[in-house]
Protein backbone atom coordinates (compact mmCIF):
# COMPACT_ATOMS: atom_id res chain seq x y z
CA MET A 1 -12.57 20.24 25.02
CA ILE A 2 -8.79 20.61 24.67
CA GLN A 3 -8.63 17.83 22.11
CA SER A 4 -11.43 19.33 20.01
CA SER A 5 -9.71 22.72 20.13
CA ILE A 6 -6.43 21.16 18.97
CA GLU A 7 -8.25 19.34 16.17
CA ARG A 8 -9.92 22.59 15.04
CA VAL A 9 -6.52 24.30 14.98
CA ALA A 10 -5.00 21.32 13.16
CA ARG A 11 -7.57 21.66 10.38
CA THR A 12 -6.69 25.30 9.63
CA ARG A 13 -4.48 26.25 6.69
CA TYR A 14 -1.89 27.86 8.99
CA VAL A 15 -0.93 24.71 10.85
CA MET A 16 1.55 23.48 8.24
CA PRO A 17 3.46 26.81 7.96
CA ILE A 18 3.59 26.94 11.77
CA ILE A 19 4.97 23.40 11.97
CA VAL A 20 7.55 24.19 9.29
CA ALA A 21 8.57 27.40 11.10
CA LEU A 22 8.92 25.53 14.41
CA ALA A 23 11.00 22.86 12.70
CA VAL A 24 13.28 25.52 11.15
CA ILE A 25 13.63 27.33 14.50
CA THR A 26 14.45 24.06 16.25
CA ILE A 27 17.05 23.20 13.62
CA ALA A 28 18.57 26.68 13.92
CA ILE A 29 18.74 26.44 17.73
CA THR A 30 20.25 22.98 17.55
CA GLU A 31 22.82 24.02 14.95
CA SER A 32 23.74 27.16 16.90
CA ALA A 33 24.13 25.19 20.11
CA TYR A 34 26.26 22.64 18.27
CA GLN A 35 28.56 25.28 16.77
CA HIS A 36 28.88 27.08 20.11
CA SER A 37 29.60 23.83 21.93
CA ARG A 38 32.15 22.83 19.32
CA SER A 39 33.90 26.20 19.58
CA THR A 40 33.96 26.06 23.38
CA LEU A 41 35.31 22.52 23.43
CA THR A 42 37.96 23.47 20.88
CA GLN A 43 39.05 26.40 23.03
CA GLY A 44 39.15 24.13 26.07
CA VAL A 45 41.48 21.78 24.22
CA VAL A 46 43.63 24.73 23.11
CA LEU A 47 43.76 26.03 26.71
CA SER A 48 44.97 22.64 27.92
CA ASP A 49 47.60 22.60 25.18
CA ALA A 50 48.66 26.15 26.17
CA ARG A 51 49.09 25.10 29.79
CA LEU A 52 51.17 22.13 28.69
CA GLU A 53 53.31 24.31 26.42
CA ALA A 54 53.77 26.88 29.24
CA ALA A 55 54.88 24.14 31.59
CA ARG A 56 57.21 22.86 28.88
CA THR A 57 58.67 26.35 28.43
CA LEU A 58 59.42 26.58 32.13
CA GLN A 59 60.87 23.06 32.00
CA THR A 60 63.22 23.92 29.11
CA LEU A 61 64.36 27.06 30.92
CA THR A 62 65.04 24.94 33.98
CA ASP A 63 66.96 22.44 31.82
CA ALA A 64 68.97 25.31 30.29
CA GLU A 65 69.81 26.71 33.72
CA ASN A 66 70.85 23.28 35.03
CA ALA A 67 73.02 22.68 31.96
CA ALA A 68 74.64 26.14 32.40
CA ARG A 69 75.40 25.43 36.06
CA ALA A 70 76.86 22.04 35.13
CA TYR A 71 79.07 23.64 32.49
CA ILE A 72 80.26 26.29 34.99
CA ALA A 73 81.15 23.57 37.48
CA SER A 74 82.77 21.06 35.08
CA GLY A 75 83.69 22.99 31.97
CA ARG A 76 82.71 20.04 29.77
CA GLN A 77 81.52 20.61 26.24
CA ASP A 78 78.69 18.12 26.63
CA ASP A 79 77.08 20.32 29.25
CA LEU A 80 77.55 23.33 26.98
CA ALA A 81 75.86 21.48 24.10
CA ASN A 82 72.95 20.53 26.40
CA TYR A 83 72.63 24.17 27.35
CA ARG A 84 72.49 25.32 23.69
CA GLU A 85 69.90 22.66 22.87
CA ALA A 86 67.71 23.64 25.82
CA ILE A 87 67.86 27.32 24.81
CA SER A 88 66.89 26.45 21.23
CA GLU A 89 63.95 24.32 22.43
CA THR A 90 62.86 27.13 24.73
CA GLN A 91 62.64 29.55 21.82
CA SER A 92 60.58 27.04 19.80
CA VAL A 93 58.20 26.25 22.67
CA ARG A 94 57.55 29.88 23.56
CA LYS A 95 56.44 30.51 19.95
CA GLY A 96 53.94 27.67 20.30
CA VAL A 97 52.55 29.21 23.47
CA ALA A 98 52.10 32.52 21.68
CA GLN A 99 50.22 30.85 18.82
CA LEU A 100 47.88 28.99 21.18
CA LEU A 101 47.12 32.19 23.09
CA ASP A 102 46.29 33.88 19.79
CA VAL A 103 43.69 31.17 19.20
CA LEU A 104 42.28 31.59 22.70
CA ASP A 105 42.41 35.36 22.59
CA PRO A 106 41.87 36.48 18.95
CA TYR A 107 41.24 40.09 20.04
CA ARG A 108 44.61 40.13 21.94
CA THR A 109 43.17 41.28 25.27
CA LEU A 110 45.88 39.24 27.00
CA SER A 111 49.55 40.20 26.61
CA LEU A 112 52.68 38.01 26.81
CA SER A 113 55.06 40.94 26.65
CA ASN A 114 55.99 40.75 30.34
CA VAL A 115 56.48 37.01 30.13
CA ASN A 116 58.61 37.28 26.99
CA GLN A 117 60.64 40.09 28.56
CA ARG A 118 61.38 38.05 31.65
CA ILE A 119 62.24 34.99 29.50
CA ASP A 120 64.64 37.12 27.45
CA THR A 121 66.17 38.54 30.65
CA HIS A 122 66.63 35.09 32.14
CA ILE A 123 68.19 33.76 28.93
CA ALA A 124 70.50 36.79 28.78
CA THR A 125 71.60 36.09 32.38
CA LEU A 126 72.32 32.47 31.50
CA GLU A 127 74.30 33.61 28.47
CA GLU A 128 76.36 35.89 30.73
CA TRP A 129 77.17 32.94 33.02
CA VAL A 130 78.21 30.75 30.09
CA ARG A 131 80.40 33.49 28.49
CA ALA A 132 82.19 34.06 31.80
CA ALA A 133 82.87 30.33 32.09
CA GLU A 134 84.05 30.15 28.46
CA GLN A 135 86.44 33.10 29.14
CA GLY A 136 87.99 31.27 32.10
CA ARG A 137 86.23 33.33 34.75
CA SER A 138 84.71 30.32 36.43
CA ALA A 139 84.75 31.85 39.93
CA GLN A 140 82.80 34.93 38.74
CA ALA A 141 80.35 32.76 36.84
CA GLN A 142 79.89 30.59 39.94
CA THR A 143 79.18 33.65 42.04
CA MET A 144 76.55 34.98 39.59
CA ALA A 145 74.87 31.57 39.35
CA ASN A 146 74.62 31.20 43.10
CA GLY A 147 73.02 34.61 43.63
CA ASN A 148 69.42 35.04 44.72
CA GLN A 149 68.51 37.23 41.75
CA SER A 150 68.44 34.27 39.40
CA ARG A 151 65.92 32.37 41.53
CA GLU A 152 63.80 35.47 42.01
CA ARG A 153 63.68 36.10 38.26
CA TYR A 154 62.65 32.50 37.62
CA ALA A 155 59.89 32.67 40.25
CA THR A 156 58.62 35.98 38.85
CA MET A 157 58.60 34.58 35.31
CA ARG A 158 56.64 31.55 36.47
CA GLN A 159 54.15 33.81 38.20
CA GLU A 160 53.69 35.83 35.00
CA PHE A 161 52.91 32.63 33.09
CA GLU A 162 50.35 31.58 35.71
CA THR A 163 48.73 35.03 35.66
CA VAL A 164 48.20 34.95 31.88
CA LEU A 165 46.84 31.40 31.93
CA ALA A 166 44.61 32.17 34.89
CA ARG A 167 43.02 35.10 33.03
CA THR A 168 42.53 32.85 30.04
CA ALA A 169 40.94 30.19 32.25
CA GLN A 170 38.56 32.83 33.64
CA ALA A 171 37.42 33.61 30.09
CA GLN A 172 37.00 29.90 29.47
CA ARG A 173 34.84 29.47 32.57
CA THR A 174 32.51 32.14 31.21
CA THR A 175 32.43 30.29 27.91
CA ARG A 176 31.66 27.02 29.69
CA VAL A 177 28.69 28.63 31.40
CA SER A 178 27.36 29.69 28.01
CA LEU A 179 28.08 26.17 26.78
CA PHE A 180 25.88 24.66 29.48
CA ASP A 181 23.19 27.23 28.69
CA ALA A 182 23.34 26.26 25.04
CA MET A 183 23.12 22.57 25.94
CA LEU A 184 20.10 23.34 28.14
CA ILE A 185 18.42 25.27 25.32
CA ASN A 186 19.19 22.47 22.92
CA ARG A 187 17.79 19.93 25.35
CA VAL A 188 14.58 21.90 25.87
CA ALA A 189 14.19 22.45 22.12
CA LEU A 190 14.67 18.77 21.36
CA HIS A 191 12.28 17.70 24.10
CA GLY A 192 9.72 20.19 22.87
CA LEU A 193 10.11 18.97 19.33
CA VAL A 194 9.72 15.35 20.42
CA VAL A 195 6.60 16.18 22.46
CA LEU A 196 5.17 18.14 19.52
CA ALA A 197 5.97 15.30 17.12
CA VAL A 198 4.35 12.73 19.44
CA LEU A 199 1.28 14.95 19.79
CA VAL A 200 1.00 15.47 16.02
CA LEU A 201 1.56 11.75 15.43
CA ALA A 202 -1.12 10.86 17.98
CA LEU A 203 -3.60 13.24 16.33
CA PHE A 204 -2.64 11.91 12.91
CA MET A 205 -3.08 8.28 14.01
CA ARG A 206 -6.40 9.15 15.62
CA LYS A 207 -7.45 10.83 12.41
CA LEU A 208 -6.39 7.76 10.43
CA ARG A 209 -8.31 5.45 12.77
CA ASP A 210 -11.39 7.65 12.56
CA GLY A 211 -11.05 7.77 8.78
CA ASP A 212 -10.61 3.98 8.59
CA ARG A 213 -13.59 3.49 10.88
CA ARG A 214 -15.77 5.82 8.83
CA GLU A 215 -14.54 4.21 5.63
CA SER A 216 -15.28 0.76 7.03
CA GLU A 217 -18.74 1.86 8.13
CA GLU A 218 -19.38 3.48 4.76
CA HIS A 219 -18.09 0.38 2.98
CA GLY A 220 -20.33 -1.82 5.11
CA ARG A 221 -23.29 0.45 4.45
CA LEU A 222 -22.61 0.51 0.73
CA SER A 223 -22.08 -3.26 0.69
CA ALA A 224 -25.40 -3.72 2.48
CA GLN A 225 -27.10 -1.40 0.02
CA VAL A 226 -25.47 -3.18 -2.94
CA ALA A 227 -26.52 -6.55 -1.55
CA LEU A 228 -30.02 -5.23 -0.94
CA ARG A 229 -30.24 -3.72 -4.40
CA THR A 230 -28.75 -6.85 -5.97
CA THR A 231 -31.29 -9.01 -4.17
CA ALA A 232 -34.06 -6.66 -5.22
CA LEU A 233 -32.88 -6.68 -8.84
CA ARG A 234 -32.52 -10.46 -8.78
CA ASN A 235 -36.01 -10.80 -7.35
CA LEU A 236 -37.33 -8.33 -9.90
CA ALA A 237 -35.59 -10.17 -12.74
CA GLY A 238 -36.92 -13.45 -11.40
CA HIS A 239 -40.39 -11.92 -11.18
CA HIS A 240 -40.10 -10.76 -14.78
CA VAL A 241 -39.00 -14.21 -15.86
CA HIS A 242 -41.86 -15.87 -14.03
CA ALA A 243 -44.29 -13.22 -15.26
CA ARG A 244 -43.12 -13.81 -18.82
CA GLU A 245 -43.50 -17.56 -18.44
CA ASP A 246 -46.93 -17.08 -16.90
CA GLU A 247 -47.90 -14.82 -19.79
CA ARG A 248 -46.54 -17.29 -22.31
CA GLY A 249 -48.52 -20.04 -20.60
CA ARG A 250 -51.66 -17.92 -20.67
CA VAL A 251 -51.14 -17.13 -24.35
CA ALA A 252 -50.49 -20.81 -25.05
CA ARG A 253 -53.73 -21.74 -23.29
CA GLU A 254 -55.61 -19.04 -25.16
CA LEU A 255 -54.24 -20.30 -28.47
CA HIS A 256 -55.01 -23.90 -27.57
CA ASP A 257 -58.50 -23.20 -26.33
CA GLU A 258 -59.70 -20.43 -28.64
CA LEU A 259 -57.75 -20.94 -31.83
CA GLY A 260 -57.86 -24.72 -31.44
CA GLY A 261 -61.64 -24.56 -31.10
CA LEU A 262 -61.91 -22.41 -34.21
CA PHE A 263 -59.73 -24.77 -36.24
CA THR A 264 -61.72 -27.77 -35.02
CA ALA A 265 -65.01 -26.08 -35.97
CA MET A 266 -63.60 -25.26 -39.40
CA LYS A 267 -62.63 -28.90 -39.96
CA LEU A 268 -66.12 -30.02 -38.94
CA GLU A 269 -67.69 -27.56 -41.38
CA ILE A 270 -65.46 -28.84 -44.19
CA ALA A 271 -66.46 -32.41 -43.32
CA ARG A 272 -70.17 -31.44 -43.54
CA LEU A 273 -69.61 -29.76 -46.91
CA ARG A 274 -68.09 -32.96 -48.24
CA ARG A 275 -71.32 -34.82 -47.37
CA VAL A 276 -73.53 -32.32 -49.21
CA ALA A 277 -75.00 -33.75 -52.45
CA ASP A 278 -74.46 -32.24 -55.87
CA VAL A 279 -71.21 -30.51 -54.85
CA PRO A 280 -69.16 -29.90 -57.99
CA ASP A 281 -65.87 -31.67 -58.32
CA THR A 282 -64.14 -28.32 -58.60
CA ALA A 283 -65.54 -27.25 -55.24
CA LEU A 284 -64.41 -30.51 -53.68
CA GLN A 285 -60.87 -29.87 -54.97
CA ARG A 286 -61.00 -26.40 -53.46
CA LEU A 287 -62.18 -27.91 -50.18
CA SER A 288 -59.21 -30.28 -50.20
CA GLY A 289 -56.84 -27.32 -50.62
CA ILE A 290 -58.54 -25.40 -47.81
CA GLU A 291 -58.34 -28.44 -45.55
CA GLN A 292 -54.63 -28.83 -46.30
CA ARG A 293 -53.99 -25.17 -45.45
CA LEU A 294 -56.06 -25.64 -42.29
CA ASN A 295 -53.92 -28.61 -41.24
CA GLU A 296 -50.81 -26.50 -41.82
CA GLY A 297 -52.30 -23.75 -39.65
CA ILE A 298 -53.03 -26.32 -36.93
CA ALA A 299 -49.37 -27.48 -37.11
CA VAL A 300 -48.12 -23.89 -36.85
CA LYS A 301 -50.45 -23.35 -33.92
CA ARG A 302 -49.09 -26.42 -32.17
CA ARG A 303 -45.50 -25.32 -32.83
CA ILE A 304 -46.20 -21.84 -31.46
CA ILE A 305 -47.90 -23.28 -28.40
CA GLU A 306 -45.01 -25.70 -27.88
CA ASN A 307 -42.54 -22.87 -28.04
CA LEU A 308 -44.58 -20.76 -25.66
CA ARG A 309 -45.09 -23.55 -23.15
CA PRO A 310 -43.70 -27.05 -23.81
CA SER A 311 -46.60 -29.38 -23.27
CA SER A 312 -44.23 -32.34 -23.18
CA LEU A 313 -42.72 -30.93 -19.97
CA ASP A 314 -46.09 -30.97 -18.20
CA GLN A 315 -47.31 -34.22 -19.70
CA LEU A 316 -44.16 -36.38 -19.94
CA GLY A 317 -41.73 -34.88 -17.41
CA LEU A 318 -38.35 -33.13 -17.62
CA ILE A 319 -36.20 -36.00 -18.93
CA SER A 320 -38.60 -36.93 -21.75
CA ALA A 321 -39.05 -33.25 -22.69
CA LEU A 322 -35.28 -32.71 -22.81
CA ASP A 323 -34.83 -35.88 -24.84
CA MET A 324 -37.41 -34.73 -27.41
CA LEU A 325 -35.80 -31.26 -27.49
CA CYS A 326 -32.34 -32.73 -28.15
CA GLN A 327 -33.69 -35.04 -30.89
CA GLU A 328 -35.35 -32.11 -32.65
CA ALA A 329 -32.11 -30.09 -32.35
CA ALA A 330 -30.06 -32.98 -33.76
CA ALA A 331 -32.43 -33.29 -36.69
CA GLY A 332 -32.41 -29.56 -37.31
CA LEU A 333 -28.62 -29.16 -36.98
CA GLY A 334 -27.68 -32.38 -38.70
CA ILE A 335 -25.13 -33.23 -35.99
CA ALA A 336 -24.97 -35.69 -33.10
CA VAL A 337 -26.45 -34.53 -29.81
CA HIS A 338 -25.38 -36.93 -27.06
CA THR A 339 -27.52 -37.00 -23.92
CA GLU A 340 -27.00 -38.37 -20.44
CA PHE A 341 -29.96 -37.79 -18.14
CA THR A 342 -30.69 -39.15 -14.65
CA PRO A 343 -33.78 -38.48 -12.52
CA VAL A 344 -33.67 -35.30 -10.40
CA ASP A 345 -35.86 -33.71 -7.72
CA LEU A 346 -36.99 -30.27 -8.86
CA ASP A 347 -40.15 -28.22 -8.69
CA LYS A 348 -42.03 -27.24 -11.83
CA ASP A 349 -40.49 -23.78 -12.09
CA ALA A 350 -36.93 -25.14 -11.74
CA GLU A 351 -37.68 -27.82 -14.37
CA LEU A 352 -38.88 -25.11 -16.74
CA THR A 353 -35.67 -23.12 -16.05
CA ILE A 354 -33.50 -26.12 -16.96
CA TYR A 355 -35.57 -26.76 -20.07
CA ARG A 356 -35.22 -23.12 -21.18
CA LEU A 357 -31.45 -23.17 -20.46
CA VAL A 358 -30.93 -26.23 -22.64
CA GLN A 359 -33.23 -24.78 -25.30
CA GLU A 360 -31.36 -21.44 -25.37
CA SER A 361 -27.97 -23.21 -25.42
CA LEU A 362 -28.98 -25.38 -28.37
CA THR A 363 -30.32 -22.28 -30.14
CA ASN A 364 -26.94 -20.57 -29.68
CA VAL A 365 -25.19 -23.68 -31.00
CA SER A 366 -27.33 -23.57 -34.15
CA LYS A 367 -26.68 -19.83 -34.65
CA TYR A 368 -23.04 -19.35 -33.79
CA ALA A 369 -21.10 -22.47 -32.78
CA LYS A 370 -20.72 -24.42 -36.06
CA ALA A 371 -20.15 -27.47 -33.86
CA LYS A 372 -19.72 -31.05 -34.97
CA GLU A 373 -21.32 -32.57 -31.88
CA VAL A 374 -23.04 -31.48 -28.64
CA ARG A 375 -23.28 -33.19 -25.27
CA VAL A 376 -26.16 -32.50 -22.85
CA GLU A 377 -26.02 -33.85 -19.28
CA LEU A 378 -28.41 -33.72 -16.34
CA ALA A 379 -27.64 -35.24 -12.93
CA GLN A 380 -28.19 -34.71 -9.23
CA THR A 381 -25.36 -34.75 -6.70
CA GLY A 382 -26.58 -34.41 -3.12
CA PRO A 383 -28.58 -31.21 -2.71
CA TRP A 384 -27.61 -29.84 -6.14
CA VAL A 385 -28.89 -30.56 -9.64
CA ARG A 386 -26.39 -29.89 -12.40
CA VAL A 387 -27.13 -29.44 -16.09
CA SER A 388 -24.54 -28.78 -18.77
CA VAL A 389 -24.46 -28.24 -22.53
CA HIS A 390 -21.04 -28.67 -24.12
CA ASP A 391 -20.23 -28.18 -27.81
CA ASN A 392 -16.97 -28.41 -29.75
CA GLY A 393 -17.66 -25.38 -31.92
CA LEU A 394 -15.92 -22.06 -32.51
CA GLY A 395 -16.19 -20.76 -28.96
CA PHE A 396 -16.00 -17.06 -28.01
CA ASP A 397 -14.47 -14.61 -25.57
CA THR A 398 -16.82 -14.44 -22.60
CA ASP A 399 -15.49 -10.97 -21.68
CA ALA A 400 -16.24 -9.52 -25.12
CA VAL A 401 -19.92 -10.33 -25.57
CA GLN A 402 -21.48 -7.62 -27.72
CA ALA A 403 -24.34 -5.50 -26.44
CA GLY A 404 -27.79 -6.62 -27.42
CA HIS A 405 -27.15 -10.35 -26.87
CA HIS A 406 -29.42 -11.07 -23.92
CA GLY A 407 -29.59 -14.84 -24.14
CA LEU A 408 -26.72 -15.47 -21.73
CA LEU A 409 -28.01 -12.79 -19.38
CA GLY A 410 -31.46 -14.35 -19.46
CA MET A 411 -29.95 -17.74 -18.56
CA ARG A 412 -28.13 -16.23 -15.60
CA VAL A 413 -31.22 -14.42 -14.37
CA ARG A 414 -33.31 -17.57 -14.59
CA VAL A 415 -30.75 -19.67 -12.71
CA GLU A 416 -30.06 -17.04 -10.02
CA SER A 417 -33.81 -16.59 -9.46
CA HIS A 418 -33.71 -20.15 -8.07
CA SER A 419 -30.61 -19.40 -5.93
CA GLY A 420 -28.51 -21.28 -8.44
CA LYS A 421 -25.17 -20.67 -10.14
CA LEU A 422 -24.38 -20.37 -13.83
CA GLU A 423 -20.92 -20.73 -15.35
CA ILE A 424 -20.04 -20.20 -19.00
CA ILE A 425 -16.63 -21.56 -20.03
CA SER A 426 -15.45 -20.72 -23.52
CA ALA A 427 -12.52 -19.45 -25.57
CA PRO A 428 -12.02 -18.89 -29.29
CA GLY A 429 -11.48 -22.25 -30.97
CA MET A 430 -12.09 -24.22 -27.74
CA GLY A 431 -15.86 -24.72 -27.84
CA THR A 432 -18.37 -23.63 -25.21
CA ARG A 433 -19.59 -25.20 -21.99
CA VAL A 434 -22.72 -23.85 -20.28
CA GLU A 435 -23.09 -25.33 -16.81
CA ALA A 436 -25.68 -24.51 -14.14
CA GLU A 437 -26.37 -25.76 -10.64
CA LEU A 438 -29.76 -25.44 -8.97
CA PRO A 439 -30.75 -26.53 -5.47
CA ALA A 440 -32.76 -29.73 -5.50
CA GLN A 441 -36.20 -29.91 -4.03
CA ALA A 442 -36.20 -31.25 -0.47
CA PRO A 443 -37.75 -34.76 -0.17
CA GLU A 444 -40.46 -33.64 2.25
CA VAL A 445 -41.36 -30.76 -0.06
CA ALA A 446 -41.50 -33.13 -3.03
CA GLY A 447 -43.68 -35.57 -1.09
CA SER A 448 -45.99 -32.79 0.01
CA ALA A 449 -46.29 -31.54 -3.58
CA GLU A 450 -47.24 -35.05 -4.76
CA ARG A 451 -49.88 -35.38 -2.05
CA ASN A 452 -51.31 -31.99 -2.88
CA GLY A 453 -51.41 -32.99 -6.57
């Protein structure tokens, strides 16, 4: 139920804008958290630097005080130079502290005025000690340096520093809390985005699998339909071929029986007329002309019958019929037709198919090939019978056969109707080779056919 609801939502037109909006929001949250975290970490580093600079300020003041005391006690110029150097460094360091606090507190809610005032007071006191010592009033300078006021001022100044830094640290703790909140928001946003991406990816992969499955099923169904239709068309084409051959055989029988009988009767009548007495010589000449025309008609009838159904194939067998066909083609073409035939096991329909294939190939050679020689071969190899017609003529592009030339298609249909294979190999200027393979008749089937005959 939940999955179907998600899929229904995923199919709506609003899902992509919603995903884009969520992605933009997630990027904005992540970028904001990054900028906030970067700012907080930067301020933390600045706070640490400020603490270090504050400690350094106190250290330079301590060094200045120690150098002043040493100068009061010894009067040496080296101690005085150390004092001047420490004072100069103190002034430089305190400026650095002020700059760091400006970074930490851009709105200047924290003030260093008290700290600076106490530093100035302490430095002024040290200057008073040093001037007294320089003027030869060493005892007075020693008395001022040993008083408690100096230590109290130093302690108060240190406390002022700590107070300012403590207030700054309090502000930083608040910032760190917001930093952790931002990291938590960023974490939740990223986790949510990952979960959403995994969910979308899972739905997408499921959709792909379903689409692939449906496509595979549809492809299988279409392939089955194509195979079924192809088989049906092949069977239909084979049926048409066999029906045409049956019709040609019927017409051949009709011509042989009916027209042959008429021609025979006409010849008998002419023979009787020749035996009639007192027939004028002119009439006898006319009878000779009629008889000649009748013989020509009988020859045409025989040729038509032979073309419709080769009687040599039924009476003499496949090899003899092919041999006679090749001899007639050689005589008609005026070129050499080489033959190589070996006995094969085929049924009558398959023999007729091979005969028609060779006949059609030789017809194409006479029409188009302009060949110098042709080779026709017939042989059986195991369960297959192979026949080939190879010429050395002009050749042609097998992929550019013009529409309306059905001879090659008829060959293929005939061969495939016997579960055979037809291959036509040709190229311009390379001649043509027509080669077919048909399954041989099983020995037991052949033996049964002979017994039934």
